[in-house]
């Protein structure tokens, strides 16, 4: 399982983010960024729906990525179980997306290699 993050997050083996575009990206890196950004739009919309249904997701106070992933996965499963053809989730108002600041963190060499391997296999 991978978590997609924005540029504020450190690159970690379980967290993917777009390559920094300094004007020297390869075609593969540009393709990776395009696919990642496209997925991010879908994910943000999906989180808006989940946060509207499961308000607790707006206040997760967990330090472990594994625990957060489990909580979000559980909400996704519950959402899928509860889906009713008459349930019009697209009409739910999306809560404001609060961007909390993340302190800069050094990049992990293992994470960089992992990130590059995924990019090369697209």
PDB file of N, CA and C in Angstrom:
ATOM      1  N   UNK A   1       0.844  -1.164   0.000  1.00  0.00           N
ATOM      2  CA  UNK A   1       0.000   0.000   0.000  1.00  0.00           C
ATOM      3  C   UNK A   1       0.898   1.237   0.000  1.00  0.00           C
ATOM      4  N   UNK A   2       0.493   2.216  -0.756  1.00  0.00           N
ATOM      5  CA  UNK A   2       1.222   3.476  -0.807  1.00  0.00           C
ATOM      6  C   UNK A   2       0.316   4.617  -0.382  1.00  0.00           C
ATOM      7  N   UNK A   3       0.915   5.612   0.203  1.00  0.00           N
ATOM      8  CA  UNK A   3       0.206   6.834   0.544  1.00  0.00           C
ATOM      9  C   UNK A   3       0.763   7.919  -0.362  1.00  0.00           C
ATOM     10  N   UNK A   4      -0.122   8.726  -0.931  1.00  0.00           N
ATOM     11  CA  UNK A   4       0.309   9.816  -1.800  1.00  0.00           C
ATOM     12  C   UNK A   4       0.311  11.093  -0.984  1.00  0.00           C
ATOM     13  N   UNK A   5       1.418  11.814  -1.038  1.00  0.00           N
ATOM     14  CA  UNK A   5       1.534  13.067  -0.305  1.00  0.00           C
ATOM     15  C   UNK A   5       1.904  14.204  -1.236  1.00  0.00           C
ATOM     16  N   UNK A   6       1.762  15.422  -0.739  1.00  0.00           N
ATOM     17  CA  UNK A   6       2.172  16.562  -1.546  1.00  0.00           C
ATOM     18  C   UNK A   6       3.622  16.911  -1.220  1.00  0.00           C
ATOM     19  N   UNK A   7       4.105  17.992  -1.793  1.00  0.00           N
ATOM     20  CA  UNK A   7       5.519  18.332  -1.669  1.00  0.00           C
ATOM     21  C   UNK A   7       5.946  18.678  -0.245  1.00  0.00           C
ATOM     22  N   UNK A   8       5.012  18.961   0.643  1.00  0.00           N
ATOM     23  CA  UNK A   8       5.362  19.304   2.021  1.00  0.00           C
ATOM     24  C   UNK A   8       5.861  18.095   2.812  1.00  0.00           C
ATOM     25  N   UNK A   9       5.536  16.890   2.357  1.00  0.00           N
ATOM     26  CA  UNK A   9       5.922  15.680   3.071  1.00  0.00           C
ATOM     27  C   UNK A   9       7.299  15.207   2.629  1.00  0.00           C
ATOM     28  N   UNK A  10       7.967  14.521   3.531  1.00  0.00           N
ATOM     29  CA  UNK A  10       9.238  13.885   3.197  1.00  0.00           C
ATOM     30  C   UNK A  10       8.958  12.649   2.360  1.00  0.00           C
ATOM     31  N   UNK A  11       9.874  12.323   1.477  1.00  0.00           N
ATOM     32  CA  UNK A  11       9.746  11.111   0.680  1.00  0.00           C
ATOM     33  C   UNK A  11      10.111   9.921   1.561  1.00  0.00           C
ATOM     34  N   UNK A  12       9.185   9.010   1.723  1.00  0.00           N
ATOM     35  CA  UNK A  12       9.375   7.810   2.531  1.00  0.00           C
ATOM     36  C   UNK A  12       9.018   6.602   1.676  1.00  0.00           C
ATOM     37  N   UNK A  13       9.491   5.392   2.045  1.00  0.00           N
ATOM     38  CA  UNK A  13       9.166   4.214   1.236  1.00  0.00           C
ATOM     39  C   UNK A  13       7.663   3.991   1.066  1.00  0.00           C
ATOM     40  N   UNK A  14       6.853   4.308   2.075  1.00  0.00           N
ATOM     41  CA  UNK A  14       5.411   4.074   1.975  1.00  0.00           C
ATOM     42  C   UNK A  14       4.654   5.314   1.501  1.00  0.00           C
ATOM     43  N   UNK A  15       5.352   6.439   1.296  1.00  0.00           N
ATOM     44  CA  UNK A  15       4.706   7.682   0.891  1.00  0.00           C
ATOM     45  C   UNK A  15       5.307   8.165  -0.423  1.00  0.00           C
ATOM     46  N   UNK A  16       4.463   8.347  -1.413  1.00  0.00           N
ATOM     47  CA  UNK A  16       4.926   8.823  -2.715  1.00  0.00           C
ATOM     48  C   UNK A  16       4.535  10.274  -2.908  1.00  0.00           C
ATOM     49  N   UNK A  17       5.403  11.012  -3.559  1.00  0.00           N
ATOM     50  CA  UNK A  17       5.080  12.385  -3.935  1.00  0.00           C
ATOM     51  C   UNK A  17       5.702  12.654  -5.295  1.00  0.00           C
ATOM     52  N   UNK A  18       5.238  13.708  -5.937  1.00  0.00           N
ATOM     53  CA  UNK A  18       5.721  14.039  -7.274  1.00  0.00           C
ATOM     54  C   UNK A  18       7.188  14.462  -7.218  1.00  0.00           C
ATOM     55  N   UNK A  19       7.877  14.224  -8.339  1.00  0.00           N
ATOM     56  CA  UNK A  19       9.245  14.710  -8.458  1.00  0.00           C
ATOM     57  C   UNK A  19       9.217  16.230  -8.509  1.00  0.00           C
ATOM     58  N   UNK A  20      10.189  16.858  -7.884  1.00  0.00           N
ATOM     59  CA  UNK A  20      10.297  18.314  -7.940  1.00  0.00           C
ATOM     60  C   UNK A  20      10.699  18.701  -9.361  1.00  0.00           C
ATOM     61  N   UNK A  21       9.923  19.570  -9.964  1.00  0.00           N
ATOM     62  CA  UNK A  21      10.195  19.972 -11.348  1.00  0.00           C
ATOM     63  C   UNK A  21      11.135  21.170 -11.359  1.00  0.00           C
ATOM     64  N   UNK A  22      12.412  20.865 -11.558  1.00  0.00           N
ATOM     65  CA  UNK A  22      13.425  21.912 -11.629  1.00  0.00           C
ATOM     66  C   UNK A  22      13.825  22.194 -13.077  1.00  0.00           C
ATOM     67  N   UNK A  23      12.993  21.716 -14.014  1.00  0.00           N
ATOM     68  CA  UNK A  23      13.265  21.926 -15.431  1.00  0.00           C
ATOM     69  C   UNK A  23      14.093  20.834 -16.077  1.00  0.00           C
ATOM     70  N   UNK A  24      14.477  19.826 -15.310  1.00  0.00           N
ATOM     71  CA  UNK A  24      15.331  18.756 -15.840  1.00  0.00           C
ATOM     72  C   UNK A  24      14.726  17.371 -15.631  1.00  0.00           C
ATOM     73  N   UNK A  25      13.408  17.272 -15.605  1.00  0.00           N
ATOM     74  CA  UNK A  25      12.774  15.970 -15.403  1.00  0.00           C
ATOM     75  C   UNK A  25      12.854  15.136 -16.675  1.00  0.00           C
ATOM     76  N   UNK A  26      13.025  13.836 -16.487  1.00  0.00           N
ATOM     77  CA  UNK A  26      13.001  12.922 -17.627  1.00  0.00           C
ATOM     78  C   UNK A  26      11.550  12.709 -18.054  1.00  0.00           C
ATOM     79  N   UNK A  27      11.367  12.102 -19.216  1.00  0.00           N
ATOM     80  CA  UNK A  27      10.011  11.803 -19.695  1.00  0.00           C
ATOM     81  C   UNK A  27       9.293  10.875 -18.713  1.00  0.00           C
ATOM     82  N   UNK A  28      10.019   9.906 -18.154  1.00  0.00           N
ATOM     83  CA  UNK A  28       9.414   8.988 -17.180  1.00  0.00           C
ATOM     84  C   UNK A  28       8.977   9.721 -15.919  1.00  0.00           C
ATOM     85  N   UNK A  29       9.804  10.640 -15.451  1.00  0.00           N
ATOM     86  CA  UNK A  29       9.455  11.400 -14.252  1.00  0.00           C
ATOM     87  C   UNK A  29       8.249  12.302 -14.511  1.00  0.00           C
ATOM     88  N   UNK A  30       8.176  12.901 -15.693  1.00  0.00           N
ATOM     89  CA  UNK A  30       7.010  13.723 -16.048  1.00  0.00           C
ATOM     90  C   UNK A  30       5.754  12.859 -16.114  1.00  0.00           C
ATOM     91  N   UNK A  31       5.883  11.666 -16.695  1.00  0.00           N
ATOM     92  CA  UNK A  31       4.754  10.729 -16.766  1.00  0.00           C
ATOM     93  C   UNK A  31       4.309  10.327 -15.357  1.00  0.00           C
ATOM     94  N   UNK A  32       5.274  10.029 -14.497  1.00  0.00           N
ATOM     95  CA  UNK A  32       4.980   9.669 -13.108  1.00  0.00           C
ATOM     96  C   UNK A  32       4.217  10.800 -12.426  1.00  0.00           C
ATOM     97  N   UNK A  33       4.718  12.033 -12.555  1.00  0.00           N
ATOM     98  CA  UNK A  33       4.057  13.191 -11.937  1.00  0.00           C
ATOM     99  C   UNK A  33       2.642  13.363 -12.461  1.00  0.00           C
ATOM    100  N   UNK A  34       2.459  13.192 -13.773  1.00  0.00           N
ATOM    101  CA  UNK A  34       1.127  13.344 -14.368  1.00  0.00           C
ATOM    102  C   UNK A  34       0.153  12.311 -13.792  1.00  0.00           C
ATOM    103  N   UNK A  35       0.586  11.050 -13.747  1.00  0.00           N
ATOM    104  CA  UNK A  35      -0.277   9.988 -13.217  1.00  0.00           C
ATOM    105  C   UNK A  35      -0.565  10.205 -11.731  1.00  0.00           C
ATOM    106  N   UNK A  36       0.458  10.592 -10.987  1.00  0.00           N
ATOM    107  CA  UNK A  36       0.283  10.818  -9.552  1.00  0.00           C
ATOM    108  C   UNK A  36      -0.680  11.980  -9.305  1.00  0.00           C
ATOM    109  N   UNK A  37      -0.519  13.063 -10.052  1.00  0.00           N
ATOM    110  CA  UNK A  37      -1.401  14.222  -9.879  1.00  0.00           C
ATOM    111  C   UNK A  37      -2.838  13.889 -10.271  1.00  0.00           C
ATOM    112  N   UNK A  38      -3.024  13.087 -11.317  1.00  0.00           N
ATOM    113  CA  UNK A  38      -4.374  12.669 -11.717  1.00  0.00           C
ATOM    114  C   UNK A  38      -5.026  11.845 -10.614  1.00  0.00           C
ATOM    115  N   UNK A  39      -4.253  10.933 -10.041  1.00  0.00           N
ATOM    116  CA  UNK A  39      -4.768  10.112  -8.942  1.00  0.00           C
ATOM    117  C   UNK A  39      -5.094  10.970  -7.726  1.00  0.00           C
ATOM    118  N   UNK A  40      -4.277  11.982  -7.490  1.00  0.00           N
ATOM    119  CA  UNK A  40      -4.475  12.835  -6.322  1.00  0.00           C
ATOM    120  C   UNK A  40      -5.809  13.578  -6.388  1.00  0.00           C
ATOM    121  N   UNK A  41      -6.224  13.985  -7.581  1.00  0.00           N
ATOM    122  CA  UNK A  41      -7.511  14.671  -7.745  1.00  0.00           C
ATOM    123  C   UNK A  41      -8.653  13.737  -7.345  1.00  0.00           C
ATOM    124  N   UNK A  42      -8.598  12.495  -7.816  1.00  0.00           N
ATOM    125  CA  UNK A  42      -9.633  11.508  -7.487  1.00  0.00           C
ATOM    126  C   UNK A  42      -9.637  11.234  -5.983  1.00  0.00           C
ATOM    127  N   UNK A  43      -8.455  11.107  -5.416  1.00  0.00           N
ATOM    128  CA  UNK A  43      -8.335  10.810  -3.985  1.00  0.00           C
ATOM    129  C   UNK A  43      -8.896  11.957  -3.144  1.00  0.00           C
ATOM    130  N   UNK A  44      -8.580  13.196  -3.511  1.00  0.00           N
ATOM    131  CA  UNK A  44      -9.086  14.342  -2.749  1.00  0.00           C
ATOM    132  C   UNK A  44     -10.612  14.409  -2.805  1.00  0.00           C
ATOM    133  N   UNK A  45     -11.186  14.109  -3.959  1.00  0.00           N
ATOM    134  CA  UNK A  45     -12.646  14.084  -4.076  1.00  0.00           C
ATOM    135  C   UNK A  45     -13.225  12.971  -3.190  1.00  0.00           C
ATOM    136  N   UNK A  46     -12.593  11.810  -3.235  1.00  0.00           N
ATOM    137  CA  UNK A  46     -13.054  10.675  -2.424  1.00  0.00           C
ATOM    138  C   UNK A  46     -12.961  10.986  -0.935  1.00  0.00           C
ATOM    139  N   UNK A  47     -11.873  11.628  -0.511  1.00  0.00           N
ATOM    140  CA  UNK A  47     -11.746  12.006   0.895  1.00  0.00           C
ATOM    141  C   UNK A  47     -12.814  13.007   1.290  1.00  0.00           C
ATOM    142  N   UNK A  48     -13.178  13.894   0.385  1.00  0.00           N
ATOM    143  CA  UNK A  48     -14.261  14.833   0.678  1.00  0.00           C
ATOM    144  C   UNK A  48     -15.552  14.101   0.986  1.00  0.00           C
ATOM    145  N   UNK A  49     -15.852  13.074   0.196  1.00  0.00           N
ATOM    146  CA  UNK A  49     -17.059  12.272   0.423  1.00  0.00           C
ATOM    147  C   UNK A  49     -16.949  11.520   1.749  1.00  0.00           C
ATOM    148  N   UNK A  50     -15.787  10.890   1.995  1.00  0.00           N
ATOM    149  CA  UNK A  50     -15.608  10.143   3.247  1.00  0.00           C
ATOM    150  C   UNK A  50     -15.692  11.057   4.462  1.00  0.00           C
ATOM    151  N   UNK A  51     -15.074  12.237   4.385  1.00  0.00           N
ATOM    152  CA  UNK A  51     -15.104  13.161   5.527  1.00  0.00           C
ATOM    153  C   UNK A  51     -16.515  13.678   5.791  1.00  0.00           C
ATOM    154  N   UNK A  52     -17.325  13.777   4.745  1.00  0.00           N
ATOM    155  CA  UNK A  52     -18.711  14.206   4.937  1.00  0.00           C
ATOM    156  C   UNK A  52     -19.522  13.107   5.628  1.00  0.00           C
ATOM    157  N   UNK A  53     -19.234  11.841   5.300  1.00  0.00           N
ATOM    158  CA  UNK A  53     -19.964  10.722   5.907  1.00  0.00           C
ATOM    159  C   UNK A  53     -19.411  10.338   7.272  1.00  0.00           C
ATOM    160  N   UNK A  54     -18.107  10.379   7.422  1.00  0.00           N
ATOM    161  CA  UNK A  54     -17.437   9.959   8.652  1.00  0.00           C
ATOM    162  C   UNK A  54     -16.673  11.163   9.204  1.00  0.00           C
ATOM    163  N   UNK A  55     -17.380  12.009   9.909  1.00  0.00           N
ATOM    164  CA  UNK A  55     -16.816  13.278  10.395  1.00  0.00           C
ATOM    165  C   UNK A  55     -15.578  13.082  11.272  1.00  0.00           C
ATOM    166  N   UNK A  56     -15.459  11.928  11.871  1.00  0.00           N
ATOM    167  CA  UNK A  56     -14.308  11.652  12.745  1.00  0.00           C
ATOM    168  C   UNK A  56     -12.991  11.726  11.972  1.00  0.00           C
ATOM    169  N   UNK A  57     -13.029  11.474  10.685  1.00  0.00           N
ATOM    170  CA  UNK A  57     -11.810  11.524   9.878  1.00  0.00           C
ATOM    171  C   UNK A  57     -11.172  12.913   9.875  1.00  0.00           C
ATOM    172  N   UNK A  58     -11.956  13.925  10.178  1.00  0.00           N
ATOM    173  CA  UNK A  58     -11.416  15.285  10.200  1.00  0.00           C
ATOM    174  C   UNK A  58     -10.537  15.537  11.420  1.00  0.00           C
ATOM    175  N   UNK A  59     -10.603  14.635  12.398  1.00  0.00           N
ATOM    176  CA  UNK A  59      -9.898  14.864  13.658  1.00  0.00           C
ATOM    177  C   UNK A  59      -9.033  13.676  14.075  1.00  0.00           C
ATOM    178  N   UNK A  60      -8.435  12.990  13.137  1.00  0.00           N
ATOM    179  CA  UNK A  60      -7.589  11.852  13.493  1.00  0.00           C
ATOM    180  C   UNK A  60      -6.321  12.351  14.180  1.00  0.00           C
ATOM    181  N   UNK A  61      -6.079  11.857  15.360  1.00  0.00           N
ATOM    182  CA  UNK A  61      -4.890  12.234  16.123  1.00  0.00           C
ATOM    183  C   UNK A  61      -4.025  10.988  16.302  1.00  0.00           C
ATOM    184  N   UNK A  62      -3.514  10.488  15.222  1.00  0.00           N
ATOM    185  CA  UNK A  62      -2.698   9.277  15.267  1.00  0.00           C
ATOM    186  C   UNK A  62      -1.313   9.604  14.730  1.00  0.00           C
ATOM    187  N   UNK A  63      -0.304   9.065  15.359  1.00  0.00           N
ATOM    188  CA  UNK A  63       1.060   9.314  14.923  1.00  0.00           C
ATOM    189  C   UNK A  63       1.591   8.275  13.961  1.00  0.00           C
ATOM    190  N   UNK A  64       0.910   7.175  13.848  1.00  0.00           N
ATOM    191  CA  UNK A  64       1.391   6.061  13.036  1.00  0.00           C
ATOM    192  C   UNK A  64       0.689   6.036  11.679  1.00  0.00           C
ATOM    193  N   UNK A  65       1.477   6.008  10.617  1.00  0.00           N
ATOM    194  CA  UNK A  65       0.902   5.940   9.269  1.00  0.00           C
ATOM    195  C   UNK A  65       0.069   4.674   9.119  1.00  0.00           C
ATOM    196  N   UNK A  66       0.511   3.583   9.737  1.00  0.00           N
ATOM    197  CA  UNK A  66      -0.230   2.325   9.638  1.00  0.00           C
ATOM    198  C   UNK A  66      -1.615   2.451  10.277  1.00  0.00           C
ATOM    199  N   UNK A  67      -1.691   3.114  11.433  1.00  0.00           N
ATOM    200  CA  UNK A  67      -2.992   3.279  12.105  1.00  0.00           C
ATOM    201  C   UNK A  67      -3.907   4.204  11.311  1.00  0.00           C
ATOM    202  N   UNK A  68      -3.351   5.263  10.762  1.00  0.00           N
ATOM    203  CA  UNK A  68      -4.156   6.177   9.947  1.00  0.00           C
ATOM    204  C   UNK A  68      -4.666   5.443   8.714  1.00  0.00           C
ATOM    205  N   UNK A  69      -3.782   4.683   8.070  1.00  0.00           N
ATOM    206  CA  UNK A  69      -4.186   3.907   6.886  1.00  0.00           C
ATOM    207  C   UNK A  69      -5.301   2.931   7.229  1.00  0.00           C
ATOM    208  N   UNK A  70      -5.191   2.290   8.394  1.00  0.00           N
ATOM    209  CA  UNK A  70      -6.235   1.343   8.814  1.00  0.00           C
ATOM    210  C   UNK A  70      -7.561   2.052   9.047  1.00  0.00           C
ATOM    211  N   UNK A  71      -7.519   3.219   9.682  1.00  0.00           N
ATOM    212  CA  UNK A  71      -8.756   3.966   9.944  1.00  0.00           C
ATOM    213  C   UNK A  71      -9.417   4.397   8.636  1.00  0.00           C
ATOM    214  N   UNK A  72      -8.628   4.905   7.712  1.00  0.00           N
ATOM    215  CA  UNK A  72      -9.179   5.350   6.424  1.00  0.00           C
ATOM    216  C   UNK A  72      -9.695   4.152   5.634  1.00  0.00           C
ATOM    217  N   UNK A  73      -8.938   3.055   5.618  1.00  0.00           N
ATOM    218  CA  UNK A  73      -9.379   1.846   4.911  1.00  0.00           C
ATOM    219  C   UNK A  73     -10.692   1.329   5.483  1.00  0.00           C
ATOM    220  N   UNK A  74     -10.817   1.365   6.801  1.00  0.00           N
ATOM    221  CA  UNK A  74     -12.054   0.924   7.446  1.00  0.00           C
ATOM    222  C   UNK A  74     -13.231   1.781   7.003  1.00  0.00           C
ATOM    223  N   UNK A  75     -13.032   3.092   6.946  1.00  0.00           N
ATOM    224  CA  UNK A  75     -14.109   3.984   6.488  1.00  0.00           C
ATOM    225  C   UNK A  75     -14.467   3.701   5.029  1.00  0.00           C
ATOM    226  N   UNK A  76     -13.467   3.406   4.202  1.00  0.00           N
ATOM    227  CA  UNK A  76     -13.739   3.065   2.794  1.00  0.00           C
ATOM    228  C   UNK A  76     -14.578   1.794   2.704  1.00  0.00           C
ATOM    229  N   UNK A  77     -14.226   0.794   3.506  1.00  0.00           N
ATOM    230  CA  UNK A  77     -14.982  -0.464   3.505  1.00  0.00           C
ATOM    231  C   UNK A  77     -16.414  -0.225   3.971  1.00  0.00           C
ATOM    232  N   UNK A  78     -16.572   0.515   5.067  1.00  0.00           N
ATOM    233  CA  UNK A  78     -17.918   0.820   5.564  1.00  0.00           C
ATOM    234  C   UNK A  78     -18.721   1.605   4.526  1.00  0.00           C
ATOM    235  N   UNK A  79     -18.080   2.541   3.870  1.00  0.00           N
ATOM    236  CA  UNK A  79     -18.753   3.319   2.820  1.00  0.00           C
ATOM    237  C   UNK A  79     -19.246   2.388   1.716  1.00  0.00           C
ATOM    238  N   UNK A  80     -18.381   1.472   1.281  1.00  0.00           N
ATOM    239  CA  UNK A  80     -18.762   0.552   0.201  1.00  0.00           C
ATOM    240  C   UNK A  80     -19.882  -0.391   0.626  1.00  0.00           C
ATOM    241  N   UNK A  81     -19.885  -0.805   1.890  1.00  0.00           N
ATOM    242  CA  UNK A  81     -20.960  -1.669   2.387  1.00  0.00           C
ATOM    243  C   UNK A  81     -22.279  -0.904   2.419  1.00  0.00           C
ATOM    244  N   UNK A  82     -22.214   0.358   2.798  1.00  0.00           N
ATOM    245  CA  UNK A  82     -23.428   1.165   2.981  1.00  0.00           C
ATOM    246  C   UNK A  82     -23.956   1.794   1.694  1.00  0.00           C
ATOM    247  N   UNK A  83     -23.229   1.670   0.610  1.00  0.00           N
ATOM    248  CA  UNK A  83     -23.680   2.315  -0.628  1.00  0.00           C
ATOM    249  C   UNK A  83     -25.054   1.787  -1.011  1.00  0.00           C
ATOM    250  N   UNK A  84     -25.937   2.702  -1.252  1.00  0.00           N
ATOM    251  CA  UNK A  84     -27.302   2.403  -1.678  1.00  0.00           C
ATOM    252  C   UNK A  84     -27.494   3.113  -3.008  1.00  0.00           C
ATOM    253  N   UNK A  85     -28.068   2.439  -3.995  1.00  0.00           N
ATOM    254  CA  UNK A  85     -28.262   3.111  -5.283  1.00  0.00           C
ATOM    255  C   UNK A  85     -29.032   4.423  -5.163  1.00  0.00           C
ATOM    256  N   UNK A  86     -29.839   4.559  -4.111  1.00  0.00           N
ATOM    257  CA  UNK A  86     -30.610   5.789  -3.923  1.00  0.00           C
ATOM    258  C   UNK A  86     -29.835   6.830  -3.115  1.00  0.00           C
ATOM    259  N   UNK A  87     -28.638   6.464  -2.640  1.00  0.00           N
ATOM    260  CA  UNK A  87     -27.818   7.365  -1.834  1.00  0.00           C
ATOM    261  C   UNK A  87     -27.051   8.290  -2.772  1.00  0.00           C
ATOM    262  N   UNK A  88     -27.352   9.561  -2.727  1.00  0.00           N
ATOM    263  CA  UNK A  88     -26.730  10.515  -3.643  1.00  0.00           C
ATOM    264  C   UNK A  88     -25.569  11.212  -2.949  1.00  0.00           C
ATOM    265  N   UNK A  89     -24.435  10.504  -2.843  1.00  0.00           N
ATOM    266  CA  UNK A  89     -23.283  11.064  -2.143  1.00  0.00           C
ATOM    267  C   UNK A  89     -22.677  12.241  -2.880  1.00  0.00           C
ATOM    268  N   UNK A  90     -22.912  12.346  -4.179  1.00  0.00           N
ATOM    269  CA  UNK A  90     -22.322  13.464  -4.908  1.00  0.00           C
ATOM    270  C   UNK A  90     -22.916  14.794  -4.475  1.00  0.00           C
ATOM    271  N   UNK A  91     -24.049  14.771  -3.766  1.00  0.00           N
ATOM    272  CA  UNK A  91     -24.671  16.007  -3.305  1.00  0.00           C
ATOM    273  C   UNK A  91     -24.179  16.436  -1.926  1.00  0.00           C
ATOM    274  N   UNK A  92     -23.331  15.620  -1.299  1.00  0.00           N
ATOM    275  CA  UNK A  92     -22.815  15.993   0.009  1.00  0.00           C
ATOM    276  C   UNK A  92     -21.833  17.145  -0.148  1.00  0.00           C
ATOM    277  N   UNK A  93     -21.932  18.097   0.731  1.00  0.00           N
ATOM    278  CA  UNK A  93     -20.995  19.221   0.690  1.00  0.00           C
ATOM    279  C   UNK A  93     -19.633  18.736   1.164  1.00  0.00           C
ATOM    280  N   UNK A  94     -18.602  19.093   0.418  1.00  0.00           N
ATOM    281  CA  UNK A  94     -17.262  18.703   0.819  1.00  0.00           C
ATOM    282  C   UNK A  94     -16.763  19.677   1.871  1.00  0.00           C
ATOM    283  N   UNK A  95     -16.203  19.154   2.959  1.00  0.00           N
ATOM    284  CA  UNK A  95     -15.677  20.050   3.978  1.00  0.00           C
ATOM    285  C   UNK A  95     -14.453  20.782   3.438  1.00  0.00           C
ATOM    286  N   UNK A  96     -14.157  21.924   4.025  1.00  0.00           N
ATOM    287  CA  UNK A  96     -12.967  22.654   3.612  1.00  0.00           C
ATOM    288  C   UNK A  96     -11.753  21.796   3.889  1.00  0.00           C
ATOM    289  N   UNK A  97     -10.879  21.732   2.901  1.00  0.00           N
ATOM    290  CA  UNK A  97      -9.658  20.965   3.060  1.00  0.00           C
ATOM    291  C   UNK A  97      -8.657  21.841   3.808  1.00  0.00           C
ATOM    292  N   UNK A  98      -8.325  21.449   5.014  1.00  0.00           N
ATOM    293  CA  UNK A  98      -7.388  22.214   5.816  1.00  0.00           C
ATOM    294  C   UNK A  98      -5.999  21.663   5.563  1.00  0.00           C
ATOM    295  N   UNK A  99      -5.127  22.519   5.082  1.00  0.00           N
ATOM    296  CA  UNK A  99      -3.750  22.120   4.838  1.00  0.00           C
ATOM    297  C   UNK A  99      -2.930  22.488   6.066  1.00  0.00           C
ATOM    298  N   UNK A 100      -2.545  21.483   6.818  1.00  0.00           N
ATOM    299  CA  UNK A 100      -1.745  21.743   7.996  1.00  0.00           C
ATOM    300  C   UNK A 100      -0.281  21.754   7.593  1.00  0.00           C
ATOM    301  N   UNK A 101       0.507  22.665   8.161  1.00  0.00           N
ATOM    302  CA  UNK A 101       1.922  22.732   7.794  1.00  0.00           C
ATOM    303  C   UNK A 101       2.663  21.491   8.272  1.00  0.00           C
ATOM    304  N   UNK A 102       3.615  21.074   7.466  1.00  0.00           N
ATOM    305  CA  UNK A 102       4.434  19.924   7.812  1.00  0.00           C
ATOM    306  C   UNK A 102       5.878  20.392   7.856  1.00  0.00           C
ATOM    307  N   UNK A 103       6.585  20.097   8.935  1.00  0.00           N
ATOM    308  CA  UNK A 103       7.974  20.537   9.004  1.00  0.00           C
ATOM    309  C   UNK A 103       8.797  19.852   7.921  1.00  0.00           C
ATOM    310  N   UNK A 104       9.765  20.563   7.328  1.00  0.00           N
ATOM    311  CA  UNK A 104      10.599  19.929   6.306  1.00  0.00           C
ATOM    312  C   UNK A 104      11.370  18.764   6.905  1.00  0.00           C
ATOM    313  N   UNK A 105      11.479  17.702   6.130  1.00  0.00           N
ATOM    314  CA  UNK A 105      12.182  16.515   6.595  1.00  0.00           C
ATOM    315  C   UNK A 105      13.158  16.076   5.513  1.00  0.00           C
ATOM    316  N   UNK A 106      14.289  15.513   5.914  1.00  0.00           N
ATOM    317  CA  UNK A 106      15.258  15.071   4.915  1.00  0.00           C
ATOM    318  C   UNK A 106      14.717  13.878   4.129  1.00  0.00           C
ATOM    319  N   UNK A 107      15.135  13.781   2.864  1.00  0.00           N
ATOM    320  CA  UNK A 107      14.734  12.639   2.046  1.00  0.00           C
ATOM    321  C   UNK A 107      15.545  11.419   2.441  1.00  0.00           C
ATOM    322  N   UNK A 108      14.910  10.294   2.443  1.00  0.00           N
ATOM    323  CA  UNK A 108      15.494   9.015   2.788  1.00  0.00           C
ATOM    324  C   UNK A 108      16.015   8.380   1.494  1.00  0.00           C
ATOM    325  N   UNK A 109      17.285   7.929   1.467  1.00  0.00           N
ATOM    326  CA  UNK A 109      17.879   7.345   0.257  1.00  0.00           C
ATOM    327  C   UNK A 109      17.100   6.115  -0.197  1.00  0.00           C
ATOM    328  N   UNK A 110      16.675   5.276   0.745  1.00  0.00           N
ATOM    329  CA  UNK A 110      15.893   4.092   0.399  1.00  0.00           C
ATOM    330  C   UNK A 110      14.578   4.514  -0.241  1.00  0.00           C
ATOM    331  N   UNK A 111      13.958   5.544   0.293  1.00  0.00           N
ATOM    332  CA  UNK A 111      12.693   6.034  -0.262  1.00  0.00           C
ATOM    333  C   UNK A 111      12.901   6.560  -1.675  1.00  0.00           C
ATOM    334  N   UNK A 112      14.008   7.260  -1.915  1.00  0.00           N
ATOM    335  CA  UNK A 112      14.298   7.780  -3.261  1.00  0.00           C
ATOM    336  C   UNK A 112      14.441   6.635  -4.260  1.00  0.00           C
ATOM    337  N   UNK A 113      15.154   5.581  -3.881  1.00  0.00           N
ATOM    338  CA  UNK A 113      15.310   4.422  -4.772  1.00  0.00           C
ATOM    339  C   UNK A 113      13.972   3.752  -5.037  1.00  0.00           C
ATOM    340  N   UNK A 114      13.164   3.604  -4.004  1.00  0.00           N
ATOM    341  CA  UNK A 114      11.840   2.988  -4.128  1.00  0.00           C
ATOM    342  C   UNK A 114      10.962   3.814  -5.063  1.00  0.00           C
ATOM    343  N   UNK A 115      10.981   5.114  -4.866  1.00  0.00           N
ATOM    344  CA  UNK A 115      10.231   6.073  -5.682  1.00  0.00           C
ATOM    345  C   UNK A 115      10.648   5.950  -7.152  1.00  0.00           C
ATOM    346  N   UNK A 116      11.962   5.924  -7.401  1.00  0.00           N
ATOM    347  CA  UNK A 116      12.470   5.808  -8.771  1.00  0.00           C
ATOM    348  C   UNK A 116      12.081   4.476  -9.408  1.00  0.00           C
ATOM    349  N   UNK A 117      12.095   3.391  -8.631  1.00  0.00           N
ATOM    350  CA  UNK A 117      11.705   2.084  -9.174  1.00  0.00           C
ATOM    351  C   UNK A 117      10.247   2.082  -9.619  1.00  0.00           C
ATOM    352  N   UNK A 118       9.375   2.680  -8.832  1.00  0.00           N
ATOM    353  CA  UNK A 118       7.963   2.759  -9.223  1.00  0.00           C
ATOM    354  C   UNK A 118       7.829   3.586 -10.488  1.00  0.00           C
ATOM    355  N   UNK A 119       8.526   4.712 -10.538  1.00  0.00           N
ATOM    356  CA  UNK A 119       8.492   5.576 -11.721  1.00  0.00           C
ATOM    357  C   UNK A 119       8.940   4.810 -12.961  1.00  0.00           C
ATOM    358  N   UNK A 120      10.019   4.054 -12.852  1.00  0.00           N
ATOM    359  CA  UNK A 120      10.562   3.324 -14.000  1.00  0.00           C
ATOM    360  C   UNK A 120       9.675   2.175 -14.451  1.00  0.00           C
ATOM    361  N   UNK A 121       8.820   1.677 -13.570  1.00  0.00           N
ATOM    362  CA  UNK A 121       7.952   0.557 -13.925  1.00  0.00           C
ATOM    363  C   UNK A 121       6.585   0.974 -14.440  1.00  0.00           C
ATOM    364  N   UNK A 122       6.331   2.274 -14.536  1.00  0.00           N
ATOM    365  CA  UNK A 122       5.043   2.732 -15.077  1.00  0.00           C
ATOM    366  C   UNK A 122       4.984   2.521 -16.571  1.00  0.00           C
TER     367      UNK A 122
END
